[in-house]
Amino acid sequence: MFLGILNDSPIPRWERQLENVDELVLDTIKRKKGVDITKKELHLILEVLYEYRVID
């Protein structure tokens, strides 16, 4: 089982899966749309979309 870096508790499966989704979305944006953004920028964009209820 995977362990967290700063503690000994296992990382939940859904958290690992979300990390994979982030990587897939970033790769798609970079390759298909030609937009180079960082993971931090992606999270900021998603926060704004959530704030305005564009996504849930």
N, C-alpha and C. Protein backbone atom coordinates (compact mmCIF):
# COMPACT_ATOMS: atom_id res chain seq x y z
N MET A 1 0.85 -1.18 0.00
CA MET A 1 0.00 0.00 0.00
C MET A 1 0.89 1.24 0.00
N PHE A 2 0.43 2.30 -0.64
CA PHE A 2 1.18 3.54 -0.71
C PHE A 2 1.11 4.28 0.62
N LEU A 3 2.20 4.92 0.98
CA LEU A 3 2.23 5.70 2.21
C LEU A 3 2.50 7.15 1.89
N GLY A 4 1.94 8.04 2.70
CA GLY A 4 2.18 9.46 2.52
C GLY A 4 3.62 9.81 2.83
N ILE A 5 4.10 10.88 2.25
CA ILE A 5 5.49 11.30 2.45
C ILE A 5 5.73 11.80 3.87
N LEU A 6 4.79 12.58 4.40
CA LEU A 6 5.00 13.20 5.70
C LEU A 6 4.39 12.43 6.86
N ASN A 7 3.66 11.38 6.59
CA ASN A 7 3.08 10.58 7.67
C ASN A 7 3.02 9.13 7.25
N ASP A 8 2.61 8.29 8.17
CA ASP A 8 2.58 6.86 7.90
C ASP A 8 1.22 6.34 7.47
N SER A 9 0.25 7.24 7.29
CA SER A 9 -1.08 6.78 6.89
C SER A 9 -1.13 6.54 5.38
N PRO A 10 -1.86 5.52 4.99
CA PRO A 10 -1.98 5.23 3.55
C PRO A 10 -2.74 6.34 2.81
N ILE A 11 -2.35 6.57 1.57
CA ILE A 11 -3.04 7.55 0.73
C ILE A 11 -4.28 6.87 0.16
N PRO A 12 -5.45 7.48 0.33
CA PRO A 12 -6.68 6.85 -0.19
C PRO A 12 -6.61 6.65 -1.71
N ARG A 13 -7.26 5.59 -2.15
CA ARG A 13 -7.25 5.25 -3.58
C ARG A 13 -7.80 6.39 -4.43
N TRP A 14 -8.90 7.03 -3.99
CA TRP A 14 -9.51 8.10 -4.78
C TRP A 14 -8.55 9.27 -4.95
N GLU A 15 -7.69 9.49 -3.95
CA GLU A 15 -6.72 10.59 -4.04
C GLU A 15 -5.65 10.27 -5.10
N ARG A 16 -5.22 9.04 -5.15
CA ARG A 16 -4.25 8.63 -6.18
C ARG A 16 -4.88 8.72 -7.57
N GLN A 17 -6.17 8.34 -7.68
CA GLN A 17 -6.86 8.39 -8.96
C GLN A 17 -7.03 9.83 -9.43
N LEU A 18 -7.31 10.76 -8.51
CA LEU A 18 -7.44 12.16 -8.88
C LEU A 18 -6.12 12.70 -9.43
N GLU A 19 -5.02 12.27 -8.86
CA GLU A 19 -3.71 12.68 -9.36
C GLU A 19 -3.54 12.22 -10.81
N ASN A 20 -3.98 11.01 -11.13
CA ASN A 20 -3.91 10.51 -12.50
C ASN A 20 -4.80 11.32 -13.43
N VAL A 21 -5.97 11.71 -12.98
CA VAL A 21 -6.88 12.52 -13.79
C VAL A 21 -6.24 13.87 -14.08
N ASP A 22 -5.61 14.48 -13.07
CA ASP A 22 -4.91 15.76 -13.28
C ASP A 22 -3.88 15.63 -14.39
N GLU A 23 -3.10 14.56 -14.36
CA GLU A 23 -2.06 14.35 -15.36
C GLU A 23 -2.66 14.15 -16.75
N LEU A 24 -3.76 13.41 -16.84
CA LEU A 24 -4.42 13.19 -18.13
C LEU A 24 -4.98 14.49 -18.69
N VAL A 25 -5.61 15.29 -17.84
CA VAL A 25 -6.17 16.57 -18.29
C VAL A 25 -5.06 17.50 -18.75
N LEU A 26 -3.98 17.59 -17.98
CA LEU A 26 -2.85 18.44 -18.39
C LEU A 26 -2.27 17.99 -19.72
N ASP A 27 -2.11 16.69 -19.89
CA ASP A 27 -1.55 16.17 -21.14
C ASP A 27 -2.46 16.49 -22.31
N THR A 28 -3.77 16.34 -22.13
CA THR A 28 -4.72 16.63 -23.20
C THR A 28 -4.70 18.10 -23.57
N ILE A 29 -4.68 18.98 -22.57
CA ILE A 29 -4.65 20.42 -22.83
C ILE A 29 -3.37 20.79 -23.58
N LYS A 30 -2.26 20.21 -23.17
CA LYS A 30 -0.98 20.54 -23.82
C LYS A 30 -0.89 20.01 -25.24
N ARG A 31 -1.25 18.72 -25.43
CA ARG A 31 -1.10 18.11 -26.75
C ARG A 31 -2.18 18.54 -27.74
N LYS A 32 -3.43 18.45 -27.34
CA LYS A 32 -4.52 18.68 -28.28
C LYS A 32 -4.86 20.16 -28.47
N LYS A 33 -4.69 20.94 -27.43
CA LYS A 33 -5.05 22.36 -27.52
C LYS A 33 -3.85 23.27 -27.65
N GLY A 34 -2.65 22.75 -27.42
CA GLY A 34 -1.45 23.56 -27.58
C GLY A 34 -1.26 24.62 -26.50
N VAL A 35 -1.87 24.40 -25.33
CA VAL A 35 -1.77 25.36 -24.23
C VAL A 35 -0.89 24.76 -23.15
N ASP A 36 0.16 25.47 -22.79
CA ASP A 36 1.10 24.97 -21.79
C ASP A 36 0.79 25.60 -20.43
N ILE A 37 0.14 24.83 -19.55
CA ILE A 37 -0.16 25.32 -18.20
C ILE A 37 0.40 24.34 -17.18
N THR A 38 0.58 24.82 -15.97
CA THR A 38 1.07 23.98 -14.89
C THR A 38 -0.12 23.38 -14.13
N LYS A 39 0.19 22.43 -13.28
CA LYS A 39 -0.86 21.82 -12.46
C LYS A 39 -1.47 22.85 -11.52
N LYS A 40 -0.64 23.75 -11.01
CA LYS A 40 -1.14 24.80 -10.12
C LYS A 40 -2.13 25.71 -10.87
N GLU A 41 -1.80 26.07 -12.10
CA GLU A 41 -2.70 26.90 -12.91
C GLU A 41 -4.01 26.15 -13.21
N LEU A 42 -3.90 24.86 -13.47
CA LEU A 42 -5.10 24.06 -13.71
C LEU A 42 -6.01 24.07 -12.49
N HIS A 43 -5.43 23.92 -11.31
CA HIS A 43 -6.23 23.93 -10.09
C HIS A 43 -6.88 25.29 -9.86
N LEU A 44 -6.20 26.37 -10.19
CA LEU A 44 -6.78 27.70 -10.06
C LEU A 44 -7.97 27.87 -11.00
N ILE A 45 -7.82 27.39 -12.22
CA ILE A 45 -8.90 27.46 -13.21
C ILE A 45 -10.10 26.66 -12.72
N LEU A 46 -9.85 25.46 -12.21
CA LEU A 46 -10.95 24.62 -11.72
C LEU A 46 -11.64 25.25 -10.51
N GLU A 47 -10.88 25.90 -9.64
CA GLU A 47 -11.47 26.59 -8.49
C GLU A 47 -12.42 27.69 -8.93
N VAL A 48 -12.02 28.46 -9.94
CA VAL A 48 -12.87 29.55 -10.44
C VAL A 48 -14.13 28.97 -11.08
N LEU A 49 -13.98 27.93 -11.88
CA LEU A 49 -15.15 27.30 -12.51
C LEU A 49 -16.11 26.75 -11.46
N TYR A 50 -15.57 26.18 -10.39
CA TYR A 50 -16.41 25.68 -9.32
C TYR A 50 -17.10 26.82 -8.57
N GLU A 51 -16.36 27.89 -8.35
CA GLU A 51 -16.91 29.04 -7.63
C GLU A 51 -18.11 29.63 -8.36
N TYR A 52 -18.05 29.66 -9.69
CA TYR A 52 -19.15 30.20 -10.49
C TYR A 52 -20.16 29.13 -10.89
N ARG A 53 -20.05 27.95 -10.27
CA ARG A 53 -20.97 26.84 -10.48
C ARG A 53 -21.03 26.37 -11.93
N VAL A 54 -19.93 26.53 -12.65
CA VAL A 54 -19.85 26.00 -14.00
C VAL A 54 -19.65 24.49 -13.93
N ILE A 55 -18.91 24.05 -12.90
CA ILE A 55 -18.69 22.62 -12.66
C ILE A 55 -19.03 22.32 -11.21
N ASP A 56 -19.30 21.06 -10.93
CA ASP A 56 -19.57 20.60 -9.55
C ASP A 56 -18.49 19.69 -9.08
